[in-house]
């Protein structure tokens, strides 16, 4: 039940204590959790920016409507998707698999070709939507890990992605920003931290069949 207690502890932090910073170990855990999150076919069409520079955060703040989560957090995590997924991407995935698992091309070859054929038939819009869905899965995983590690966080869609992309030069890296996750430690003055959770009864949200 410890995980339930951790999930009860967490909330969408609206104001962080700007004097408290996550240490390298805590940031390392979040990086590992990001990298270990499940993705479709194991292609990992995502990147995560870990922003600690206050100068960069100050430049980004207007494009997130000056929300306090952005300006007071310890680190700002920006979840991005790759804008280009093609045969080269798929080859890199299977080549890495062969290196790590010592598998042969005979084992992975058919699946490699199937994926290449599948993605060749997809439109850019279909590929992008799939990657966006996986960004949300990753966000949920990071939030759970934050709760377990007693790291406060606030999932955010409220920003202007194209402006973030400009400031961070993401287009040059074939990336698009999708979601934000400011992390840190809650400010005692954040009124939301003392409020009880409001959730429907489980009987109204879960259907046993």
C-alpha atoms as a PDB file:
ATOM      1  CA  UNK A   1       0.000   0.000   0.000  1.00  0.00           C
ATOM      2  CA  UNK A   2       3.030   2.323   0.126  1.00  0.00           C
ATOM      3  CA  UNK A   3       2.474   3.271  -3.507  1.00  0.00           C
ATOM      4  CA  UNK A   4      -1.127   4.237  -2.718  1.00  0.00           C
ATOM      5  CA  UNK A   5       0.069   6.464   0.113  1.00  0.00           C
ATOM      6  CA  UNK A   6       2.554   8.060  -2.275  1.00  0.00           C
ATOM      7  CA  UNK A   7      -0.176   8.679  -4.855  1.00  0.00           C
ATOM      8  CA  UNK A   8      -2.370  10.186  -2.139  1.00  0.00           C
ATOM      9  CA  UNK A   9       0.556  12.433  -1.150  1.00  0.00           C
ATOM     10  CA  UNK A  10       1.110  13.792  -4.649  1.00  0.00           C
ATOM     11  CA  UNK A  11      -0.840  16.635  -6.164  1.00  0.00           C
ATOM     12  CA  UNK A  12      -0.366  19.068  -9.043  1.00  0.00           C
ATOM     13  CA  UNK A  13       2.000  21.464  -7.321  1.00  0.00           C
ATOM     14  CA  UNK A  14       1.154  25.055  -8.216  1.00  0.00           C
ATOM     15  CA  UNK A  15       4.059  26.749  -6.454  1.00  0.00           C
ATOM     16  CA  UNK A  16       7.471  25.294  -5.626  1.00  0.00           C
ATOM     17  CA  UNK A  17       9.983  26.355  -2.996  1.00  0.00           C
ATOM     18  CA  UNK A  18      12.510  28.058  -5.258  1.00  0.00           C
ATOM     19  CA  UNK A  19      15.211  27.732  -2.574  1.00  0.00           C
ATOM     20  CA  UNK A  20      15.138  23.917  -2.683  1.00  0.00           C
ATOM     21  CA  UNK A  21      16.746  22.039  -5.553  1.00  0.00           C
ATOM     22  CA  UNK A  22      16.713  18.409  -6.611  1.00  0.00           C
ATOM     23  CA  UNK A  23      20.131  16.789  -6.311  1.00  0.00           C
ATOM     24  CA  UNK A  24      21.946  14.909  -9.066  1.00  0.00           C
ATOM     25  CA  UNK A  25      20.761  11.558  -7.713  1.00  0.00           C
ATOM     26  CA  UNK A  26      17.098  12.562  -7.886  1.00  0.00           C
ATOM     27  CA  UNK A  27      17.480  13.948 -11.395  1.00  0.00           C
ATOM     28  CA  UNK A  28      19.286  10.745 -12.340  1.00  0.00           C
ATOM     29  CA  UNK A  29      16.299   8.683 -11.185  1.00  0.00           C
ATOM     30  CA  UNK A  30      13.946  10.750 -13.338  1.00  0.00           C
ATOM     31  CA  UNK A  31      16.226  10.348 -16.350  1.00  0.00           C
ATOM     32  CA  UNK A  32      16.322   6.582 -15.852  1.00  0.00           C
ATOM     33  CA  UNK A  33      12.547   6.429 -15.383  1.00  0.00           C
ATOM     34  CA  UNK A  34      12.062   8.370 -18.607  1.00  0.00           C
ATOM     35  CA  UNK A  35      14.385   6.069 -20.497  1.00  0.00           C
ATOM     36  CA  UNK A  36      12.764   2.905 -19.097  1.00  0.00           C
ATOM     37  CA  UNK A  37       9.196   3.888 -19.986  1.00  0.00           C
ATOM     38  CA  UNK A  38       7.516   1.529 -22.432  1.00  0.00           C
ATOM     39  CA  UNK A  39       7.118   2.773 -26.017  1.00  0.00           C
ATOM     40  CA  UNK A  40       5.470   1.261 -29.063  1.00  0.00           C
ATOM     41  CA  UNK A  41       7.804  -1.305 -30.681  1.00  0.00           C
ATOM     42  CA  UNK A  42      10.556  -0.010 -28.374  1.00  0.00           C
ATOM     43  CA  UNK A  43      11.346   2.778 -30.829  1.00  0.00           C
ATOM     44  CA  UNK A  44      11.540   5.489 -28.121  1.00  0.00           C
ATOM     45  CA  UNK A  45      10.391   8.379 -30.348  1.00  0.00           C
ATOM     46  CA  UNK A  46      10.873  10.807 -27.469  1.00  0.00           C
ATOM     47  CA  UNK A  47      13.455  13.095 -25.944  1.00  0.00           C
ATOM     48  CA  UNK A  48      13.396  14.829 -22.556  1.00  0.00           C
ATOM     49  CA  UNK A  49      15.014  18.176 -21.900  1.00  0.00           C
ATOM     50  CA  UNK A  50      16.101  18.772 -18.300  1.00  0.00           C
ATOM     51  CA  UNK A  51      16.339  22.532 -17.864  1.00  0.00           C
ATOM     52  CA  UNK A  52      18.150  23.896 -14.828  1.00  0.00           C
ATOM     53  CA  UNK A  53      19.227  27.251 -16.256  1.00  0.00           C
ATOM     54  CA  UNK A  54      17.205  30.098 -14.766  1.00  0.00           C
ATOM     55  CA  UNK A  55      18.096  32.269 -17.769  1.00  0.00           C
ATOM     56  CA  UNK A  56      16.457  29.785 -20.125  1.00  0.00           C
ATOM     57  CA  UNK A  57      13.455  29.353 -17.824  1.00  0.00           C
ATOM     58  CA  UNK A  58      13.024  33.141 -17.742  1.00  0.00           C
ATOM     59  CA  UNK A  59      12.946  33.164 -21.542  1.00  0.00           C
ATOM     60  CA  UNK A  60      10.403  30.347 -21.609  1.00  0.00           C
ATOM     61  CA  UNK A  61       8.165  31.740 -18.861  1.00  0.00           C
ATOM     62  CA  UNK A  62       6.190  34.201 -21.055  1.00  0.00           C
ATOM     63  CA  UNK A  63       5.336  31.320 -23.391  1.00  0.00           C
ATOM     64  CA  UNK A  64       3.869  29.416 -20.429  1.00  0.00           C
ATOM     65  CA  UNK A  65       1.845  32.457 -19.353  1.00  0.00           C
ATOM     66  CA  UNK A  66       4.199  33.214 -16.420  1.00  0.00           C
ATOM     67  CA  UNK A  67       2.753  30.359 -14.398  1.00  0.00           C
ATOM     68  CA  UNK A  68       4.441  29.965 -11.009  1.00  0.00           C
ATOM     69  CA  UNK A  69       5.136  26.283 -11.597  1.00  0.00           C
ATOM     70  CA  UNK A  70       7.597  27.312 -14.301  1.00  0.00           C
ATOM     71  CA  UNK A  71       9.264  30.168 -12.460  1.00  0.00           C
ATOM     72  CA  UNK A  72       9.680  28.460  -9.064  1.00  0.00           C
ATOM     73  CA  UNK A  73      10.522  24.836  -9.959  1.00  0.00           C
ATOM     74  CA  UNK A  74      13.878  23.221  -9.341  1.00  0.00           C
ATOM     75  CA  UNK A  75      14.085  21.783 -12.857  1.00  0.00           C
ATOM     76  CA  UNK A  76      11.799  22.005 -15.865  1.00  0.00           C
ATOM     77  CA  UNK A  77      11.311  18.774 -17.800  1.00  0.00           C
ATOM     78  CA  UNK A  78      10.182  19.214 -21.401  1.00  0.00           C
ATOM     79  CA  UNK A  79       8.878  16.090 -23.139  1.00  0.00           C
ATOM     80  CA  UNK A  80       9.443  16.178 -26.892  1.00  0.00           C
ATOM     81  CA  UNK A  81       8.718  13.910 -29.838  1.00  0.00           C
ATOM     82  CA  UNK A  82      10.990  13.130 -32.761  1.00  0.00           C
ATOM     83  CA  UNK A  83       9.595  14.668 -35.926  1.00  0.00           C
ATOM     84  CA  UNK A  84      11.222  12.084 -38.154  1.00  0.00           C
ATOM     85  CA  UNK A  85      10.731   8.335 -37.770  1.00  0.00           C
ATOM     86  CA  UNK A  86      11.795   6.318 -40.782  1.00  0.00           C
ATOM     87  CA  UNK A  87      13.812   3.309 -41.867  1.00  0.00           C
ATOM     88  CA  UNK A  88      16.959   4.781 -40.342  1.00  0.00           C
ATOM     89  CA  UNK A  89      15.203   5.044 -36.966  1.00  0.00           C
ATOM     90  CA  UNK A  90      14.025   1.453 -37.201  1.00  0.00           C
ATOM     91  CA  UNK A  91      17.451   0.189 -38.248  1.00  0.00           C
ATOM     92  CA  UNK A  92      19.051   1.933 -35.278  1.00  0.00           C
ATOM     93  CA  UNK A  93      16.592   0.228 -32.905  1.00  0.00           C
ATOM     94  CA  UNK A  94      17.285  -3.270 -34.246  1.00  0.00           C
ATOM     95  CA  UNK A  95      21.038  -2.727 -34.509  1.00  0.00           C
ATOM     96  CA  UNK A  96      21.075  -1.722 -30.838  1.00  0.00           C
ATOM     97  CA  UNK A  97      18.989  -4.783 -29.959  1.00  0.00           C
ATOM     98  CA  UNK A  98      21.456  -7.034 -31.755  1.00  0.00           C
ATOM     99  CA  UNK A  99      24.357  -5.406 -29.916  1.00  0.00           C
ATOM    100  CA  UNK A 100      22.810  -5.662 -26.459  1.00  0.00           C
ATOM    101  CA  UNK A 101      21.084  -9.045 -26.768  1.00  0.00           C
ATOM    102  CA  UNK A 102      23.634 -10.637 -29.092  1.00  0.00           C
ATOM    103  CA  UNK A 103      20.806 -11.694 -31.398  1.00  0.00           C
ATOM    104  CA  UNK A 104      21.322 -12.411 -35.087  1.00  0.00           C
ATOM    105  CA  UNK A 105      19.756 -10.796 -38.124  1.00  0.00           C
ATOM    106  CA  UNK A 106      17.930 -14.072 -38.729  1.00  0.00           C
ATOM    107  CA  UNK A 107      15.993 -13.451 -35.524  1.00  0.00           C
ATOM    108  CA  UNK A 108      15.190  -9.741 -35.985  1.00  0.00           C
ATOM    109  CA  UNK A 109      15.223  -9.405 -39.768  1.00  0.00           C
ATOM    110  CA  UNK A 110      11.581 -10.197 -40.455  1.00  0.00           C
ATOM    111  CA  UNK A 111      10.310  -7.876 -37.731  1.00  0.00           C
ATOM    112  CA  UNK A 112      12.700  -5.142 -38.918  1.00  0.00           C
ATOM    113  CA  UNK A 113      11.268  -5.325 -42.437  1.00  0.00           C
ATOM    114  CA  UNK A 114       7.679  -5.490 -41.182  1.00  0.00           C
ATOM    115  CA  UNK A 115       8.139  -2.292 -39.179  1.00  0.00           C
ATOM    116  CA  UNK A 116       9.781  -0.509 -42.081  1.00  0.00           C
ATOM    117  CA  UNK A 117       6.873  -1.464 -44.328  1.00  0.00           C
ATOM    118  CA  UNK A 118       4.335  -0.430 -41.683  1.00  0.00           C
ATOM    119  CA  UNK A 119       5.854   3.007 -41.120  1.00  0.00           C
ATOM    120  CA  UNK A 120       6.339   3.606 -44.840  1.00  0.00           C
ATOM    121  CA  UNK A 121       2.557   3.325 -45.218  1.00  0.00           C
ATOM    122  CA  UNK A 122       1.782   5.722 -42.363  1.00  0.00           C
ATOM    123  CA  UNK A 123       1.252   9.428 -42.922  1.00  0.00           C
ATOM    124  CA  UNK A 124       3.377  11.947 -41.031  1.00  0.00           C
ATOM    125  CA  UNK A 125       0.267  12.928 -39.079  1.00  0.00           C
ATOM    126  CA  UNK A 126      -0.393   9.336 -38.001  1.00  0.00           C
ATOM    127  CA  UNK A 127       3.199   8.903 -36.842  1.00  0.00           C
ATOM    128  CA  UNK A 128       3.118  12.188 -34.927  1.00  0.00           C
ATOM    129  CA  UNK A 129      -0.146  11.336 -33.151  1.00  0.00           C
ATOM    130  CA  UNK A 130       1.258   7.963 -32.096  1.00  0.00           C
ATOM    131  CA  UNK A 131       4.354   9.625 -30.669  1.00  0.00           C
ATOM    132  CA  UNK A 132       2.236  12.179 -28.803  1.00  0.00           C
ATOM    133  CA  UNK A 133       0.233   9.367 -27.185  1.00  0.00           C
ATOM    134  CA  UNK A 134       3.484   7.844 -25.992  1.00  0.00           C
ATOM    135  CA  UNK A 135       4.572  11.168 -24.523  1.00  0.00           C
ATOM    136  CA  UNK A 136       1.489  11.067 -22.300  1.00  0.00           C
ATOM    137  CA  UNK A 137       2.308   7.517 -21.190  1.00  0.00           C
ATOM    138  CA  UNK A 138       5.788   8.730 -20.291  1.00  0.00           C
ATOM    139  CA  UNK A 139       4.387  11.687 -18.385  1.00  0.00           C
ATOM    140  CA  UNK A 140       2.232   9.371 -16.267  1.00  0.00           C
ATOM    141  CA  UNK A 141       5.182   7.144 -15.494  1.00  0.00           C
ATOM    142  CA  UNK A 142       7.326  10.119 -14.451  1.00  0.00           C
ATOM    143  CA  UNK A 143       4.574  11.426 -12.196  1.00  0.00           C
ATOM    144  CA  UNK A 144       4.312   8.067 -10.414  1.00  0.00           C
ATOM    145  CA  UNK A 145       8.077   7.906  -9.934  1.00  0.00           C
ATOM    146  CA  UNK A 146       8.029  11.467  -8.579  1.00  0.00           C
ATOM    147  CA  UNK A 147       5.374  10.461  -6.053  1.00  0.00           C
ATOM    148  CA  UNK A 148       7.402   7.449  -4.911  1.00  0.00           C
ATOM    149  CA  UNK A 149      10.525   9.605  -4.543  1.00  0.00           C
ATOM    150  CA  UNK A 150       8.622  12.428  -2.787  1.00  0.00           C
ATOM    151  CA  UNK A 151       9.410  14.814  -5.613  1.00  0.00           C
ATOM    152  CA  UNK A 152       6.688  17.331  -6.321  1.00  0.00           C
ATOM    153  CA  UNK A 153       5.578  17.818  -9.912  1.00  0.00           C
ATOM    154  CA  UNK A 154       2.915  19.452 -12.038  1.00  0.00           C
ATOM    155  CA  UNK A 155       1.901  18.043 -15.450  1.00  0.00           C
ATOM    156  CA  UNK A 156       1.284  20.895 -17.876  1.00  0.00           C
ATOM    157  CA  UNK A 157      -0.209  21.393 -21.308  1.00  0.00           C
ATOM    158  CA  UNK A 158      -0.657  25.133 -20.760  1.00  0.00           C
ATOM    159  CA  UNK A 159       2.139  26.550 -22.870  1.00  0.00           C
ATOM    160  CA  UNK A 160       2.868  27.550 -26.460  1.00  0.00           C
ATOM    161  CA  UNK A 161       4.820  24.636 -27.934  1.00  0.00           C
ATOM    162  CA  UNK A 162       5.917  26.474 -31.076  1.00  0.00           C
ATOM    163  CA  UNK A 163       7.406  29.261 -28.964  1.00  0.00           C
ATOM    164  CA  UNK A 164       9.233  26.765 -26.744  1.00  0.00           C
ATOM    165  CA  UNK A 165      10.536  25.118 -29.910  1.00  0.00           C
ATOM    166  CA  UNK A 166      11.895  28.460 -31.097  1.00  0.00           C
ATOM    167  CA  UNK A 167      13.608  29.354 -27.822  1.00  0.00           C
ATOM    168  CA  UNK A 168      15.127  25.879 -27.449  1.00  0.00           C
ATOM    169  CA  UNK A 169      15.999  25.492 -31.152  1.00  0.00           C
ATOM    170  CA  UNK A 170      14.148  22.193 -31.214  1.00  0.00           C
ATOM    171  CA  UNK A 171      13.452  22.346 -34.924  1.00  0.00           C
ATOM    172  CA  UNK A 172      17.185  22.054 -35.601  1.00  0.00           C
ATOM    173  CA  UNK A 173      17.141  18.800 -33.623  1.00  0.00           C
ATOM    174  CA  UNK A 174      14.032  17.418 -35.373  1.00  0.00           C
ATOM    175  CA  UNK A 175      12.043  17.723 -32.154  1.00  0.00           C
ATOM    176  CA  UNK A 176       8.699  19.180 -31.070  1.00  0.00           C
ATOM    177  CA  UNK A 177       7.796  20.016 -27.469  1.00  0.00           C
ATOM    178  CA  UNK A 178       4.602  18.323 -26.288  1.00  0.00           C
ATOM    179  CA  UNK A 179       4.335  18.433 -22.484  1.00  0.00           C
ATOM    180  CA  UNK A 180       5.946  20.098 -19.485  1.00  0.00           C
ATOM    181  CA  UNK A 181       6.703  18.655 -16.069  1.00  0.00           C
ATOM    182  CA  UNK A 182       8.193  21.172 -13.629  1.00  0.00           C
ATOM    183  CA  UNK A 183       9.628  19.317 -10.626  1.00  0.00           C
ATOM    184  CA  UNK A 184      10.936  20.314  -7.219  1.00  0.00           C
ATOM    185  CA  UNK A 185       9.585  20.693  -3.699  1.00  0.00           C
ATOM    186  CA  UNK A 186       6.241  22.209  -2.747  1.00  0.00           C
ATOM    187  CA  UNK A 187       6.108  25.654  -1.176  1.00  0.00           C
ATOM    188  CA  UNK A 188       4.355  25.570   2.234  1.00  0.00           C
ATOM    189  CA  UNK A 189       2.349  28.568   1.036  1.00  0.00           C
ATOM    190  CA  UNK A 190       0.852  26.582  -1.833  1.00  0.00           C
ATOM    191  CA  UNK A 191      -2.723  26.267  -0.606  1.00  0.00           C
ATOM    192  CA  UNK A 192      -3.381  23.251  -2.806  1.00  0.00           C
ATOM    193  CA  UNK A 193      -0.890  21.157  -0.826  1.00  0.00           C
ATOM    194  CA  UNK A 194      -3.151  21.028   2.251  1.00  0.00           C
ATOM    195  CA  UNK A 195      -6.383  20.321   0.428  1.00  0.00           C
ATOM    196  CA  UNK A 196      -8.003  16.906   0.401  1.00  0.00           C
ATOM    197  CA  UNK A 197      -8.101  15.042  -2.890  1.00  0.00           C
ATOM    198  CA  UNK A 198     -11.401  15.123  -4.726  1.00  0.00           C
ATOM    199  CA  UNK A 199     -12.049  11.821  -6.448  1.00  0.00           C
ATOM    200  CA  UNK A 200     -15.200   9.931  -7.362  1.00  0.00           C
ATOM    201  CA  UNK A 201     -15.817   6.709  -5.403  1.00  0.00           C
ATOM    202  CA  UNK A 202     -14.046   3.737  -6.981  1.00  0.00           C
ATOM    203  CA  UNK A 203     -17.461   2.125  -7.491  1.00  0.00           C
ATOM    204  CA  UNK A 204     -18.238   4.965  -9.920  1.00  0.00           C
ATOM    205  CA  UNK A 205     -14.996   4.758 -11.897  1.00  0.00           C
ATOM    206  CA  UNK A 206     -14.142   1.051 -12.039  1.00  0.00           C
ATOM    207  CA  UNK A 207     -16.367  -1.574 -13.642  1.00  0.00           C
ATOM    208  CA  UNK A 208     -15.884  -5.192 -12.586  1.00  0.00           C
ATOM    209  CA  UNK A 209     -17.002  -7.720 -15.179  1.00  0.00           C
END
